[in-house]
Protein backbone atom coordinates (compact mmCIF):
# COMPACT_ATOMS: atom_id res chain seq x y z
CA MET A 1 36.64 194.36 198.16
CA PHE A 2 39.60 196.11 196.42
CA SER A 3 40.65 199.49 197.73
CA PHE A 4 41.90 202.20 195.40
CA PRO A 5 45.57 201.66 196.43
CA ASN A 6 45.28 197.94 195.65
CA ILE A 7 43.71 198.59 192.24
CA TYR A 8 46.51 201.03 191.46
CA LYS A 9 49.13 198.47 192.57
CA TYR A 10 47.71 195.67 190.41
CA THR A 11 47.30 198.00 187.43
CA LEU A 12 50.93 199.07 187.71
CA ILE A 13 52.11 195.43 187.88
CA LEU A 14 50.01 194.51 184.83
CA THR A 15 51.37 197.50 182.88
CA ILE A 16 54.98 196.56 183.65
CA PHE A 17 54.36 192.88 182.74
CA THR A 18 52.69 193.82 179.43
CA ALA A 19 55.53 196.15 178.48
CA ALA A 20 58.11 193.46 179.25
CA LEU A 21 56.20 190.88 177.19
CA SER A 22 55.90 193.32 174.27
CA HIS A 23 59.65 193.99 174.41
CA CYS A 24 60.45 190.26 174.38
CA SER A 25 58.35 189.68 171.27
CA SER A 26 59.49 192.72 169.30
CA PRO A 27 61.42 192.28 166.02
CA SER A 28 64.55 193.84 167.56
CA SER A 29 64.74 190.97 170.06
CA ALA A 30 64.21 188.26 167.41
CA PRO A 31 67.55 187.93 165.60
CA ASN A 32 66.42 184.88 163.61
CA SER A 33 63.54 186.82 162.05
CA GLN A 34 65.82 189.74 161.35
CA HIS A 35 68.40 187.45 159.72
CA LYS A 36 65.69 185.88 157.56
CA GLU A 37 64.40 189.28 156.46
CA GLU A 38 67.93 190.32 155.50
CA ALA A 39 68.31 187.10 153.48
CA PHE A 40 65.11 187.87 151.57
CA SER A 41 66.23 191.37 150.59
CA SER A 42 69.97 190.90 149.96
CA SER A 43 72.13 189.21 147.36
CA ALA A 44 74.20 186.11 147.98
CA PRO A 45 77.33 184.80 146.27
CA SER A 46 76.50 183.11 142.97
CA GLN A 47 76.93 179.33 143.04
CA PRO A 48 77.84 177.41 139.84
CA PRO A 49 74.91 175.33 138.52
CA VAL A 50 74.77 171.76 139.79
CA ASP A 51 73.40 169.23 137.31
CA PRO A 52 70.33 167.27 138.40
CA ILE A 53 70.70 163.51 138.75
CA ILE A 54 67.86 161.49 137.24
CA ARG A 55 67.89 157.73 136.86
CA ARG A 56 65.24 155.08 136.30
CA GLU A 57 65.04 151.60 137.78
CA GLY A 58 61.97 149.90 136.38
CA HIS A 59 58.97 151.99 137.47
CA THR A 60 60.95 153.94 140.07
CA VAL A 61 62.53 157.26 139.07
CA TYR A 62 65.23 158.70 141.33
CA ILE A 63 65.54 162.48 141.06
CA GLU A 64 68.16 164.55 142.89
CA MET A 65 67.92 168.34 142.67
CA THR A 66 69.78 171.20 144.34
CA ALA A 67 68.44 174.45 145.78
CA GLN A 68 71.04 177.14 145.18
CA VAL A 69 71.60 180.84 144.51
CA THR A 70 72.87 181.61 141.00
CA ASP A 71 73.17 184.82 138.96
CA ILE A 72 71.21 184.52 135.71
CA GLU A 73 70.62 186.91 132.81
CA ILE A 74 66.90 187.63 132.55
CA SER A 75 67.18 190.27 129.81
CA LYS A 76 70.12 191.56 127.80
CA GLY A 77 72.65 192.80 130.36
CA VAL A 78 70.21 192.40 133.27
CA ILE A 79 71.51 189.99 135.90
CA TYR A 80 69.25 188.68 138.66
CA ASN A 81 70.64 187.04 141.81
CA ALA A 82 68.11 184.21 141.59
CA TRP A 83 67.05 181.48 143.97
CA THR A 84 67.01 178.41 141.76
CA PHE A 85 66.77 174.69 141.36
CA ASN A 86 70.08 173.56 139.85
CA GLY A 87 71.21 177.05 138.85
CA THR A 88 68.54 177.80 136.24
CA SER A 89 65.13 179.42 136.27
CA PRO A 90 62.94 177.69 135.34
CA GLY A 91 64.56 174.59 136.78
CA PRO A 92 65.12 171.36 134.85
CA VAL A 93 62.18 169.87 132.94
CA LEU A 94 61.34 166.58 134.66
CA ARG A 95 59.68 163.67 132.82
CA VAL A 96 58.19 160.58 134.39
CA LYS A 97 55.42 158.17 133.36
CA GLU A 98 51.98 157.62 134.79
CA GLY A 99 52.29 154.84 137.37
CA ASP A 100 55.91 155.62 138.28
CA THR A 101 57.12 156.10 141.83
CA ILE A 102 59.28 159.20 142.32
CA VAL A 103 62.04 159.08 144.92
CA PHE A 104 62.97 162.74 145.22
CA THR A 105 65.99 164.18 147.02
CA LEU A 106 66.47 167.92 147.56
CA LYS A 107 69.91 169.18 148.56
CA ASN A 108 70.01 172.72 149.93
CA LYS A 109 73.24 174.58 149.05
CA ASP A 110 71.76 177.96 150.03
CA THR A 111 73.66 178.90 153.16
CA ARG A 112 71.08 181.45 154.36
CA MET A 113 67.63 179.87 154.31
CA ASN A 114 65.46 176.81 154.06
CA HIS A 115 63.90 175.58 150.81
CA SER A 116 61.45 172.84 149.85
CA MET A 117 59.70 171.17 146.93
CA ASP A 118 55.97 171.49 146.20
CA MET A 119 55.29 168.97 143.42
CA HIS A 120 51.90 169.58 141.76
CA ALA A 121 52.10 166.24 139.94
CA VAL A 122 51.65 163.97 142.96
CA HIS A 123 49.29 162.99 145.75
CA ALA A 124 51.18 163.56 149.02
CA SER A 125 50.80 165.03 152.49
CA PRO A 126 52.32 168.55 152.33
CA SER A 127 53.00 168.58 156.06
CA ARG A 128 55.17 165.46 155.70
CA LYS A 129 56.50 165.46 152.13
CA PHE A 130 56.74 169.14 151.09
CA ILE A 131 58.66 170.16 154.20
CA ASP A 132 61.61 172.54 154.55
CA VAL A 133 65.18 171.38 154.02
CA MET A 134 67.58 173.42 156.12
CA PRO A 135 70.78 175.06 154.75
CA GLY A 136 73.49 172.49 154.11
CA GLU A 137 71.10 169.58 154.56
CA GLU A 138 69.09 167.27 152.29
CA GLY A 139 65.74 165.51 152.41
CA THR A 140 64.34 162.53 150.51
CA PHE A 141 60.63 162.01 149.82
CA THR A 142 58.69 159.34 147.91
CA TYR A 143 55.66 160.14 145.75
CA PRO A 144 53.39 158.13 143.44
CA ALA A 145 52.84 159.70 139.99
CA THR A 146 49.32 158.50 139.27
CA SER A 147 47.88 161.41 137.27
CA PRO A 148 49.09 162.23 133.74
CA GLY A 149 49.66 165.83 132.71
CA VAL A 150 51.78 168.96 132.63
CA PHE A 151 52.39 170.29 136.12
CA MET A 152 54.30 172.98 137.94
CA TYR A 153 56.80 172.35 140.70
CA HIS A 154 58.08 175.10 142.98
CA CYS A 155 59.61 175.87 146.35
CA GLY A 156 56.83 176.01 148.93
CA SER A 157 58.75 177.49 151.86
CA LYS A 158 57.25 180.55 153.54
CA PRO A 159 56.65 183.06 152.14
CA THR A 160 56.06 181.00 149.01
CA LEU A 161 55.58 184.16 146.93
CA ALA A 162 59.18 185.21 147.58
CA HIS A 163 60.60 181.81 146.66
CA ILE A 164 58.68 181.57 143.37
CA ALA A 165 59.21 185.22 142.40
CA ASN A 166 62.95 184.82 143.00
CA GLY A 167 63.10 181.92 140.54
CA MET A 168 62.30 178.58 142.22
CA TYR A 169 59.92 176.80 139.83
CA GLY A 170 59.82 174.45 136.87
CA MET A 171 57.80 171.92 134.87
CA ILE A 172 57.21 168.22 135.40
CA ILE A 173 55.54 166.13 132.71
CA VAL A 174 53.80 162.91 133.68
CA GLU A 175 53.40 161.05 130.39
CA PRO A 176 50.08 159.21 130.05
CA LYS A 177 50.44 155.44 130.31
CA ALA A 178 48.70 154.98 126.96
CA GLY A 179 50.07 158.19 125.45
CA TYR A 180 47.97 160.89 123.81
CA PRO A 181 45.52 159.97 121.05
CA SER A 182 47.42 162.31 118.71
CA ASP A 183 50.95 161.01 119.37
CA HIS A 184 51.21 159.56 115.86
CA LEU A 185 50.56 163.00 114.33
CA ILE A 186 53.36 164.90 116.11
CA ASP A 187 56.51 165.93 114.21
CA ARG A 188 58.10 168.31 116.76
CA SER A 189 57.61 168.95 120.46
CA TYR A 190 58.86 171.72 122.78
CA THR A 191 58.46 172.90 126.37
CA LEU A 192 57.69 176.48 127.46
CA VAL A 193 57.38 177.96 130.93
CA GLN A 194 55.96 181.46 131.32
CA SER A 195 56.96 183.42 134.42
CA GLU A 196 57.56 186.90 135.83
CA TRP A 197 60.49 188.88 137.21
CA TYR A 198 60.05 191.80 139.61
CA LYS A 199 62.45 194.16 141.36
CA GLU A 200 65.22 191.98 142.69
CA HIS A 201 64.45 190.48 146.11
CA ASP A 202 61.80 193.16 146.71
CA TYR A 203 58.89 191.52 148.54
CA ASN A 204 56.72 194.63 148.28
CA SER A 205 57.20 194.54 144.51
CA PHE A 206 56.22 190.85 144.40
CA LEU A 207 53.16 191.65 146.48
CA ASN A 208 51.89 194.92 145.02
CA GLU A 209 53.57 195.91 141.75
CA GLU A 210 53.52 194.94 138.10
CA PRO A 211 56.28 192.60 136.90
CA GLU A 212 59.26 194.25 135.22
CA TYR A 213 59.63 191.30 132.83
CA VAL A 214 57.33 188.51 131.70
CA VAL A 215 59.26 185.75 129.97
CA PHE A 216 59.28 182.36 128.32
CA ASN A 217 61.88 179.90 129.63
CA GLY A 218 63.47 182.41 131.96
CA ASN A 219 64.49 185.40 129.83
CA THR A 220 63.34 187.89 127.21
CA TYR A 221 65.63 186.95 124.31
CA THR A 222 66.73 183.33 123.87
CA LEU A 223 63.67 182.08 122.00
CA LYS A 224 63.82 185.06 119.65
CA GLU A 225 67.53 184.75 118.87
CA HIS A 226 67.32 180.95 118.71
CA PRO A 227 63.81 180.20 117.48
CA LEU A 228 61.99 176.91 117.75
CA LEU A 229 62.06 175.10 114.40
CA ALA A 230 59.66 173.18 112.18
CA LYS A 231 59.07 172.28 108.54
CA ALA A 232 56.07 173.47 106.56
CA GLY A 233 53.31 170.93 107.10
CA ASP A 234 54.62 169.80 110.52
CA THR A 235 52.33 169.27 113.47
CA VAL A 236 53.92 170.82 116.55
CA ARG A 237 53.23 169.99 120.19
CA ILE A 238 54.07 172.43 122.99
CA TYR A 239 53.97 171.53 126.67
CA ILE A 240 53.19 174.87 128.32
CA SER A 241 53.13 175.87 132.01
CA ASN A 242 52.43 179.26 133.58
CA ALA A 243 54.55 179.53 136.73
CA GLY A 244 53.26 183.01 137.60
CA PRO A 245 53.49 183.72 140.46
CA ASN A 246 50.81 186.39 139.95
CA GLU A 247 49.67 186.79 136.34
CA VAL A 248 47.54 184.66 134.03
CA SER A 249 48.68 183.67 130.55
CA SER A 250 46.56 183.94 127.40
CA PHE A 251 48.67 181.58 125.35
CA HIS A 252 48.46 182.15 121.59
CA VAL A 253 50.39 181.20 118.46
CA VAL A 254 50.15 183.88 115.77
CA GLY A 255 49.26 182.52 112.32
CA THR A 256 47.56 179.30 113.31
CA MET A 257 45.13 177.84 115.83
CA MET A 258 45.35 174.92 118.20
CA ASP A 259 43.98 171.77 116.56
CA ARG A 260 43.89 170.12 119.99
CA VAL A 261 44.38 171.31 123.56
CA TYR A 262 44.74 168.94 126.50
CA THR A 263 43.97 171.04 129.58
CA ASP A 264 46.58 170.41 132.29
CA GLY A 265 48.03 167.87 129.87
CA ASN A 266 45.47 165.22 130.75
CA PRO A 267 44.43 163.22 127.64
CA ARG A 268 40.80 163.15 128.85
CA ASN A 269 40.62 166.98 128.89
CA ILE A 270 40.59 167.54 125.13
CA GLN A 271 39.31 170.56 123.19
CA TYR A 272 39.44 171.30 119.47
CA GLY A 273 39.99 174.43 117.36
CA ILE A 274 41.14 176.76 120.15
CA GLN A 275 42.62 180.19 119.32
CA THR A 276 43.86 181.15 122.81
CA VAL A 277 44.43 179.01 125.90
CA MET A 278 43.83 180.62 129.28
CA LEU A 279 46.34 179.42 131.88
CA PRO A 280 45.99 180.52 135.50
CA ALA A 281 49.08 180.84 137.64
CA SER A 282 50.30 177.22 137.99
CA GLY A 283 48.12 176.05 135.08
CA GLY A 284 49.43 173.88 132.28
CA ALA A 285 48.41 172.39 128.94
CA VAL A 286 49.51 170.42 125.93
CA VAL A 287 48.73 172.33 122.73
CA GLU A 288 49.05 170.99 119.17
CA PHE A 289 48.85 172.82 115.86
CA THR A 290 49.88 172.47 112.22
CA VAL A 291 51.99 175.06 110.40
CA THR A 292 51.04 175.10 106.73
CA GLU A 293 53.41 177.74 105.32
CA GLU A 294 57.03 178.80 105.72
CA GLY A 295 57.73 181.84 107.87
CA ASP A 296 58.06 183.07 111.45
CA TYR A 297 55.18 182.38 113.84
CA PRO A 298 55.34 184.48 117.05
CA ILE A 299 54.30 182.68 120.22
CA VAL A 300 52.87 185.08 122.81
CA THR A 301 50.53 185.66 125.65
CA HIS A 302 47.68 187.71 124.20
CA GLN A 303 47.94 190.09 127.15
CA PHE A 304 50.14 192.32 125.06
CA LYS A 305 51.56 194.45 127.84
CA HIS A 306 53.33 191.24 128.84
CA VAL A 307 54.57 190.71 125.29
CA ASP A 308 56.19 194.15 125.46
CA LYS A 309 57.83 193.02 128.71
CA GLY A 310 59.37 190.00 127.00
CA ALA A 311 56.77 187.20 126.78
CA SER A 312 57.39 186.26 123.17
CA ALA A 313 59.04 183.38 121.35
CA VAL A 314 59.31 182.50 117.66
CA LEU A 315 58.59 179.29 115.82
CA ARG A 316 60.54 179.42 112.56
CA VAL A 317 59.08 177.28 109.77
CA THR A 318 61.34 176.54 106.81
CA LYS A 319 61.37 174.13 103.89
CA ASP A 320 63.94 171.85 105.52
CA GLY A 321 63.22 172.61 109.18
CA LYS A 322 66.59 174.34 109.67
CA ASP A 323 67.29 177.89 110.83
CA HIS A 324 68.42 180.17 107.98
CA GLY A 325 69.78 182.66 110.53
CA GLY A 326 67.76 185.73 109.59
CA THR A 327 66.27 188.23 112.00
CA THR A 328 63.13 186.85 113.59
CA MET A 329 59.73 188.53 113.36
CA SER A 330 58.82 190.67 116.36
CA HIS A 331 55.27 191.09 117.59
């Protein structure tokens, strides 16, 4: 039976051991965690964009992409020190065909942290094929592309929210083996990626605040200054993806309605006569519509607070399908 002195002795030993253990596991004694936190919140030198390498050999598509830090202009005069694939945000639009095999290589030029590729278009084991690539290293992974559609890709390294919100996302299109039933009707086709920008490198902002900008194809201005083009009577196809990371998109083209919508870009998921397409974060679609008259057709998300933050493009319809250079319609 323990005496009071013995109980006191063992309690004192336990207290000292617990305090030592707590000290060993504290953030101040974990320099790697501290270094990673500093990398999340600080800027890095801007690296010139590296072109992706894409080549096809039969039914095998070899894709080489680069994770890098690059300064990009997200609104007029507003520069963001972005984490990117190949120096742009969104990253390159990738196109493969249903039934292809993708041999994907990711090179990591970011000197501060690991990055990875989460490819929504494939069936693969995340714990083996979406794994981190360390700074200065590269990894190669093979995927089958068996499902047609419009998909998101993004960096999946922890915390994934930080990597997407800082700019690491893009679109991959897996073209249906037999095409879409409406292929013969299409005169023009375009790709759009909706996404959000928050306070630069501010994880609390990513987690808890409203986005400062909501954009199409990376910034607030390009698709207004350089509108998409069509001729009166054209049928237009848009491949659309909502990269998020947090907000939904209520995709809408002012002045027309969608004749056909293929949800997630799968030809079996077809709807007709749709006014607005709801896209969750990471959702995609193929939308098709006919423009019957000349003029400017704003393309928006119908959540108009996001339009006022930049989520607007313009489809300019002219007699000859060329841009006459006038000021575009705002909405």
